[in-house]
Amino acid sequence: MCKHHSNSSQREFILLGLSDNPYLEMLFFMVFLISYVLTLLWSLAVIVVSQLDPSLQTPMYFFIINLSFLDLCSTTATVPQMMVNLQRSQKTISWTGCMAQLFISLGLGSTECVLLAAMAYDRYAAVCHPLRYTAIMSRSLCWLMAIASWFSGMTASFVQTCLTLRLPLCGHNHINDFFCEVPALLSLACADTSINEAGLLVGSAGILPVPLGLILVSYGYIGAAVLRIRSAEGRCKAFSTCTSHLAVVSIFFGTAIYTYLQPPSQHPQDQGKIVSLFYAFITPMVNPLIYTLRNKDVHRALRRALGKQCWMQQS
């Protein structure tokens, strides 16, 4: 079990946030509120339509449902607390709330890393082995990869949270960030954090570069397979199924690697906040849009669902 250090049992932490300018805080609040509501509505729409429409009962949409659920949870773990703090002068979070936020946000982020690798394998099977795609991506394999993603992500988060809990803070409680995450908490410690930093780098190496390496290998095979297609139309069609996934991978892994694969002592604080904002808030907001904006299958499913709803209201 996780045991926290006796000196680190703070009653609360003070989050310094993004700005102390009241006008900027009001602007941030409105932007975050509108974006949060849109993120929830769009993610829920993707989940519901993918579940109800028979044409979307495929492995790719099974993983997109998991990703949309991750986005819902990750934004809910950080954004509401951030909006509450933007409305008050004392921007506090309880010690328990901070540790819960740390575990949940880190666990969901780690899960997404592994899930994106599973989605890359799905795209590899679809492009490189189209005739055997259904046999390769069986329902049992999809569930196994999803469960493995969640289990590995939450296990990595549990280990990192336990290591963080054991650090003495000696009364330091001003977190130079807008939510609780490992690098920000390590900077508060009044003891040697070399073990924690080493653990963070090792854990991050397993959760970040390894899945990213698998993704790059998958796309190496996909690229080779696409180049073997003779018609330009066929190449575009084959690669168009992967562009959305590549966009999400680039945004998510780029920001997460910047934050977690360098020692916390070397983090430029202001830049770190902007990068954290990307993977904690902006990425979950744009993920549903990236996956559905150019997706004709989802557009058709949404039109059918809306058309059915209108017909039911008229009748």
Protein backbone atom coordinates (compact mmCIF):
# COMPACT_ATOMS: atom_id res chain seq x y z
CA MET A 1 0.00 0.00 0.00
CA CYS A 2 0.96 3.64 -0.53
CA LYS A 3 2.05 5.50 2.61
CA HIS A 4 2.70 9.23 2.57
CA HIS A 5 5.52 10.85 4.50
CA SER A 6 4.44 12.28 7.86
CA ASN A 7 5.87 15.70 6.94
CA SER A 8 3.97 15.84 3.65
CA SER A 9 0.47 15.65 5.08
CA GLN A 10 -0.53 19.14 3.95
CA ARG A 11 -4.10 20.23 4.62
CA GLU A 12 -4.22 21.95 1.23
CA PHE A 13 -2.17 23.19 -1.68
CA ILE A 14 -2.28 26.59 -3.37
CA LEU A 15 -2.32 26.41 -7.16
CA LEU A 16 -0.69 29.48 -8.68
CA GLY A 17 -2.61 28.89 -11.92
CA LEU A 18 -2.16 30.58 -15.27
CA SER A 19 -2.50 34.24 -14.28
CA ASP A 20 -3.35 36.48 -11.33
CA ASN A 21 -4.89 39.17 -13.54
CA PRO A 22 -8.66 39.21 -12.80
CA TYR A 23 -9.58 40.21 -16.37
CA LEU A 24 -7.47 37.43 -17.84
CA GLU A 25 -8.92 34.99 -15.32
CA MET A 26 -12.46 35.87 -16.41
CA LEU A 27 -11.46 35.40 -20.04
CA PHE A 28 -9.83 32.04 -19.24
CA PHE A 29 -12.94 30.99 -17.32
CA MET A 30 -15.25 31.68 -20.28
CA VAL A 31 -12.92 29.97 -22.76
CA PHE A 32 -12.52 26.90 -20.53
CA LEU A 33 -16.24 26.69 -19.78
CA ILE A 34 -17.28 26.81 -23.44
CA SER A 35 -14.54 24.41 -24.50
CA TYR A 36 -15.28 22.00 -21.63
CA VAL A 37 -18.97 21.84 -22.51
CA LEU A 38 -18.15 21.30 -26.19
CA THR A 39 -15.63 18.58 -25.28
CA LEU A 40 -18.23 16.75 -23.18
CA LEU A 41 -20.97 17.05 -25.81
CA TRP A 42 -18.76 16.04 -28.73
CA SER A 43 -17.13 13.12 -26.91
CA LEU A 44 -20.51 11.85 -25.72
CA ALA A 45 -21.88 12.18 -29.27
CA VAL A 46 -18.99 10.10 -30.64
CA ILE A 47 -19.51 7.42 -27.96
CA VAL A 48 -23.30 7.23 -28.38
CA VAL A 49 -23.29 7.24 -32.19
CA SER A 50 -20.46 4.67 -32.37
CA GLN A 51 -22.37 2.41 -30.00
CA LEU A 52 -25.77 2.70 -31.68
CA ASP A 53 -24.93 2.72 -35.39
CA PRO A 54 -24.28 -0.79 -36.79
CA SER A 55 -21.91 0.54 -39.47
CA LEU A 56 -19.54 1.77 -36.75
CA GLN A 57 -19.28 -1.55 -34.90
CA THR A 58 -15.66 -2.01 -35.95
CA PRO A 59 -12.35 -2.32 -34.05
CA MET A 60 -11.33 1.22 -35.01
CA TYR A 61 -14.45 2.74 -33.43
CA PHE A 62 -14.14 0.44 -30.43
CA PHE A 63 -10.80 2.15 -29.70
CA ILE A 64 -12.21 5.60 -30.54
CA ILE A 65 -14.94 5.00 -27.92
CA ASN A 66 -12.22 4.20 -25.37
CA LEU A 67 -10.29 7.32 -26.36
CA SER A 68 -13.40 9.51 -26.13
CA PHE A 69 -14.15 8.12 -22.67
CA LEU A 70 -10.56 8.87 -21.64
CA ASP A 71 -10.97 12.44 -22.88
CA LEU A 72 -14.19 12.84 -20.90
CA CYS A 73 -12.55 11.61 -17.70
CA SER A 74 -9.28 13.51 -18.09
CA THR A 75 -10.94 16.89 -18.69
CA THR A 76 -13.33 16.29 -15.79
CA ALA A 77 -10.39 15.46 -13.51
CA THR A 78 -8.73 18.86 -14.05
CA VAL A 79 -10.89 21.49 -15.75
CA PRO A 80 -13.76 21.92 -13.20
CA GLN A 81 -11.26 22.48 -10.36
CA MET A 82 -9.38 24.95 -12.53
CA MET A 83 -12.58 26.88 -13.34
CA VAL A 84 -13.55 27.01 -9.66
CA ASN A 85 -10.15 28.46 -8.79
CA LEU A 86 -10.45 31.06 -11.54
CA GLN A 87 -13.55 32.37 -9.73
CA ARG A 88 -11.93 32.86 -6.33
CA SER A 89 -8.96 34.71 -4.93
CA GLN A 90 -7.65 31.77 -2.84
CA LYS A 91 -6.85 29.08 -5.40
CA THR A 92 -6.65 26.03 -3.17
CA ILE A 93 -7.10 22.31 -3.51
CA SER A 94 -7.23 19.86 -0.62
CA TRP A 95 -4.35 17.44 -0.07
CA THR A 96 -6.66 14.48 -0.77
CA GLY A 97 -8.07 16.18 -3.86
CA CYS A 98 -4.58 16.91 -5.14
CA MET A 99 -3.43 13.32 -4.73
CA ALA A 100 -6.63 12.02 -6.37
CA GLN A 101 -6.16 14.44 -9.27
CA LEU A 102 -2.52 13.37 -9.59
CA PHE A 103 -3.39 9.66 -9.72
CA ILE A 104 -6.37 10.03 -12.07
CA SER A 105 -4.81 12.46 -14.56
CA LEU A 106 -1.52 10.54 -14.68
CA GLY A 107 -3.33 7.21 -14.99
CA LEU A 108 -5.56 8.42 -17.83
CA GLY A 109 -2.62 9.99 -19.65
CA SER A 110 -0.56 6.80 -19.34
CA THR A 111 -3.52 4.73 -20.54
CA GLU A 112 -3.89 6.96 -23.59
CA CYS A 113 -0.23 6.37 -24.52
CA VAL A 114 -0.73 2.61 -24.67
CA LEU A 115 -4.17 2.91 -26.29
CA LEU A 116 -2.73 5.00 -29.12
CA ALA A 117 -0.21 2.21 -29.75
CA ALA A 118 -3.08 -0.31 -29.90
CA MET A 119 -4.85 1.95 -32.41
CA ALA A 120 -1.69 2.06 -34.53
CA TYR A 121 -1.65 -1.75 -34.63
CA ASP A 122 -5.31 -1.67 -35.72
CA ARG A 123 -4.41 0.70 -38.61
CA TYR A 124 -1.44 -1.56 -39.51
CA ALA A 125 -3.74 -4.58 -39.73
CA ALA A 126 -6.32 -2.64 -41.79
CA VAL A 127 -3.81 -1.30 -44.36
CA CYS A 128 -1.23 -4.11 -44.53
CA HIS A 129 -3.56 -7.12 -44.15
CA PRO A 130 -7.00 -5.98 -45.38
CA LEU A 131 -8.20 -9.47 -46.31
CA ARG A 132 -7.36 -10.87 -42.86
CA TYR A 133 -8.26 -7.70 -40.92
CA THR A 134 -11.44 -9.10 -39.34
CA ALA A 135 -9.66 -12.29 -38.28
CA ILE A 136 -6.64 -10.42 -36.86
CA MET A 137 -8.61 -7.74 -35.00
CA SER A 138 -11.02 -10.11 -33.31
CA ARG A 139 -13.37 -8.88 -30.60
CA SER A 140 -11.38 -10.72 -27.93
CA LEU A 141 -8.09 -9.14 -29.07
CA CYS A 142 -9.65 -5.66 -29.04
CA TRP A 143 -10.88 -6.16 -25.47
CA LEU A 144 -7.53 -7.60 -24.42
CA MET A 145 -5.63 -4.58 -25.81
CA ALA A 146 -8.07 -2.13 -24.21
CA ILE A 147 -7.82 -3.86 -20.80
CA ALA A 148 -4.02 -3.99 -21.09
CA SER A 149 -3.97 -0.24 -21.86
CA TRP A 150 -6.07 0.64 -18.81
CA PHE A 151 -4.23 -1.76 -16.50
CA SER A 152 -0.72 -0.64 -17.51
CA GLY A 153 -1.68 3.04 -17.35
CA MET A 154 -3.24 2.82 -13.89
CA THR A 155 -0.39 0.65 -12.58
CA ALA A 156 2.21 3.18 -13.76
CA SER A 157 0.19 5.98 -12.15
CA PHE A 158 -0.09 4.06 -8.86
CA VAL A 159 3.70 3.60 -8.69
CA GLN A 160 4.43 7.27 -9.49
CA THR A 161 1.80 8.51 -7.02
CA CYS A 162 3.24 6.33 -4.27
CA LEU A 163 6.76 7.63 -4.93
CA THR A 164 5.48 11.22 -4.82
CA LEU A 165 3.54 10.64 -1.59
CA ARG A 166 6.69 9.55 0.21
CA LEU A 167 8.47 12.88 -0.33
CA PRO A 168 8.64 15.34 2.59
CA LEU A 169 7.37 18.79 1.61
CA CYS A 170 8.24 20.58 4.87
CA GLY A 171 5.26 22.90 4.66
CA HIS A 172 5.81 23.93 1.02
CA ASN A 173 2.38 24.08 -0.59
CA HIS A 174 2.52 26.59 -3.48
CA ILE A 175 2.25 24.61 -6.73
CA ASN A 176 3.34 26.62 -9.77
CA ASP A 177 0.78 25.00 -12.04
CA PHE A 178 -2.98 24.88 -12.58
CA PHE A 179 -3.39 21.23 -11.48
CA CYS A 180 -1.47 18.61 -9.50
CA GLU A 181 1.10 16.65 -11.50
CA VAL A 182 4.35 14.93 -10.65
CA PRO A 183 6.98 17.47 -11.87
CA ALA A 184 5.25 20.34 -10.04
CA LEU A 185 5.03 18.37 -6.78
CA LEU A 186 8.64 17.18 -7.00
CA SER A 187 9.76 20.82 -7.13
CA LEU A 188 8.19 21.34 -3.66
CA ALA A 189 10.15 18.57 -1.95
CA CYS A 190 12.68 19.49 0.73
CA ALA A 191 14.65 16.25 0.29
CA ASP A 192 16.73 14.60 -2.39
CA THR A 193 14.41 13.76 -5.29
CA SER A 194 16.95 11.86 -7.40
CA ILE A 195 15.21 8.50 -6.76
CA ASN A 196 11.85 10.00 -7.70
CA GLU A 197 13.28 11.63 -10.83
CA ALA A 198 14.94 8.35 -11.83
CA GLY A 199 11.66 6.49 -11.20
CA LEU A 200 9.76 9.08 -13.21
CA LEU A 201 12.19 8.77 -16.13
CA VAL A 202 12.12 4.94 -16.05
CA GLY A 203 8.33 4.84 -15.76
CA SER A 204 7.92 7.46 -18.47
CA ALA A 205 10.33 5.55 -20.71
CA GLY A 206 8.03 2.53 -20.53
CA ILE A 207 4.84 4.53 -21.06
CA LEU A 208 6.06 7.11 -23.63
CA PRO A 209 8.97 5.97 -25.89
CA VAL A 210 7.96 2.29 -26.01
CA PRO A 211 4.39 2.89 -27.29
CA LEU A 212 5.70 5.67 -29.55
CA GLY A 213 8.31 3.28 -30.94
CA LEU A 214 5.61 0.69 -31.68
CA ILE A 215 3.54 3.39 -33.39
CA LEU A 216 6.48 4.45 -35.57
CA VAL A 217 7.22 0.83 -36.53
CA SER A 218 3.56 0.29 -37.43
CA TYR A 219 3.55 3.39 -39.62
CA GLY A 220 6.79 2.29 -41.23
CA TYR A 221 5.01 -0.86 -42.45
CA ILE A 222 1.91 1.18 -43.35
CA GLY A 223 3.99 3.64 -45.39
CA ALA A 224 5.68 0.80 -47.27
CA ALA A 225 2.32 -0.84 -47.98
CA VAL A 226 0.79 2.44 -49.20
CA LEU A 227 3.71 3.08 -51.57
CA ARG A 228 3.12 -0.34 -53.16
CA ILE A 229 -0.41 0.70 -54.17
CA ARG A 230 -0.28 1.71 -57.84
CA SER A 231 -3.16 4.18 -58.10
CA ALA A 232 -2.87 7.63 -56.50
CA GLU A 233 -6.51 7.41 -55.42
CA GLY A 234 -5.87 4.11 -53.68
CA ARG A 235 -2.83 5.51 -51.86
CA CYS A 236 -4.79 8.54 -50.66
CA LYS A 237 -7.69 6.38 -49.50
CA ALA A 238 -5.40 3.98 -47.63
CA PHE A 239 -3.43 6.70 -45.87
CA SER A 240 -6.47 8.89 -45.10
CA THR A 241 -7.56 6.32 -42.51
CA CYS A 242 -4.32 7.02 -40.60
CA THR A 243 -4.00 10.81 -40.74
CA SER A 244 -6.35 11.44 -37.81
CA HIS A 245 -4.45 9.01 -35.60
CA LEU A 246 -1.11 10.54 -36.60
CA ALA A 247 -2.34 14.03 -35.71
CA VAL A 248 -3.45 12.90 -32.23
CA VAL A 249 -0.19 11.02 -31.66
CA SER A 250 1.92 14.04 -32.65
CA ILE A 251 0.12 16.45 -30.31
CA PHE A 252 -0.19 14.11 -27.34
CA PHE A 253 3.26 12.49 -27.35
CA GLY A 254 5.07 15.71 -28.17
CA THR A 255 3.72 17.56 -25.15
CA ALA A 256 3.89 14.57 -22.76
CA ILE A 257 7.53 13.78 -23.65
CA TYR A 258 8.50 17.41 -23.09
CA THR A 259 6.99 17.31 -19.59
CA TYR A 260 7.98 13.87 -18.32
CA LEU A 261 11.25 12.96 -20.05
CA GLN A 262 13.37 15.71 -18.53
CA PRO A 263 14.25 16.31 -14.86
CA PRO A 264 11.71 18.57 -13.06
CA SER A 265 14.57 20.85 -11.98
CA GLN A 266 15.17 21.71 -15.64
CA HIS A 267 11.53 22.61 -16.38
CA PRO A 268 10.97 26.23 -17.45
CA GLN A 269 7.88 26.85 -15.30
CA ASP A 270 5.94 29.14 -17.64
CA GLN A 271 6.62 26.95 -20.68
CA GLY A 272 5.71 23.90 -18.61
CA LYS A 273 2.28 25.38 -17.85
CA ILE A 274 1.58 25.96 -21.54
CA VAL A 275 2.66 22.43 -22.43
CA SER A 276 0.55 20.99 -19.57
CA LEU A 277 -2.40 22.98 -20.87
CA PHE A 278 -2.01 21.24 -24.23
CA TYR A 279 -2.15 17.62 -23.05
CA ALA A 280 -4.53 18.20 -20.11
CA PHE A 281 -7.05 20.41 -21.87
CA ILE A 282 -6.50 21.13 -25.56
CA THR A 283 -5.75 17.54 -26.68
CA PRO A 284 -8.94 16.04 -25.16
CA MET A 285 -10.90 18.89 -26.75
CA VAL A 286 -9.54 18.42 -30.27
CA ASN A 287 -9.39 14.59 -30.28
CA PRO A 288 -13.11 14.09 -31.11
CA LEU A 289 -12.90 16.79 -33.78
CA ILE A 290 -9.79 15.29 -35.37
CA TYR A 291 -11.36 11.82 -35.54
CA THR A 292 -14.74 12.95 -36.87
CA LEU A 293 -14.18 16.18 -38.84
CA ARG A 294 -13.17 14.38 -42.05
CA ASN A 295 -14.78 11.04 -41.23
CA LYS A 296 -17.63 10.39 -43.66
CA ASP A 297 -18.81 7.29 -41.76
CA VAL A 298 -19.39 9.32 -38.59
CA HIS A 299 -21.06 12.13 -40.58
CA ARG A 300 -23.50 9.62 -42.11
CA ALA A 301 -24.16 8.01 -38.72
CA LEU A 302 -24.85 11.42 -37.14
CA ARG A 303 -27.23 12.34 -39.99
CA ARG A 304 -29.08 9.04 -39.59
CA ALA A 305 -29.33 9.54 -35.81
CA LEU A 306 -30.56 13.14 -36.19
CA GLY A 307 -32.95 12.14 -38.98
CA LYS A 308 -34.40 9.35 -36.85
CA GLN A 309 -34.80 11.75 -33.92
CA CYS A 310 -36.61 14.31 -36.09
CA TRP A 311 -38.88 11.61 -37.51
CA MET A 312 -39.78 10.40 -34.01
CA GLN A 313 -40.62 13.96 -32.90
CA GLN A 314 -42.83 14.54 -35.97
CA SER A 315 -44.69 11.27 -35.50
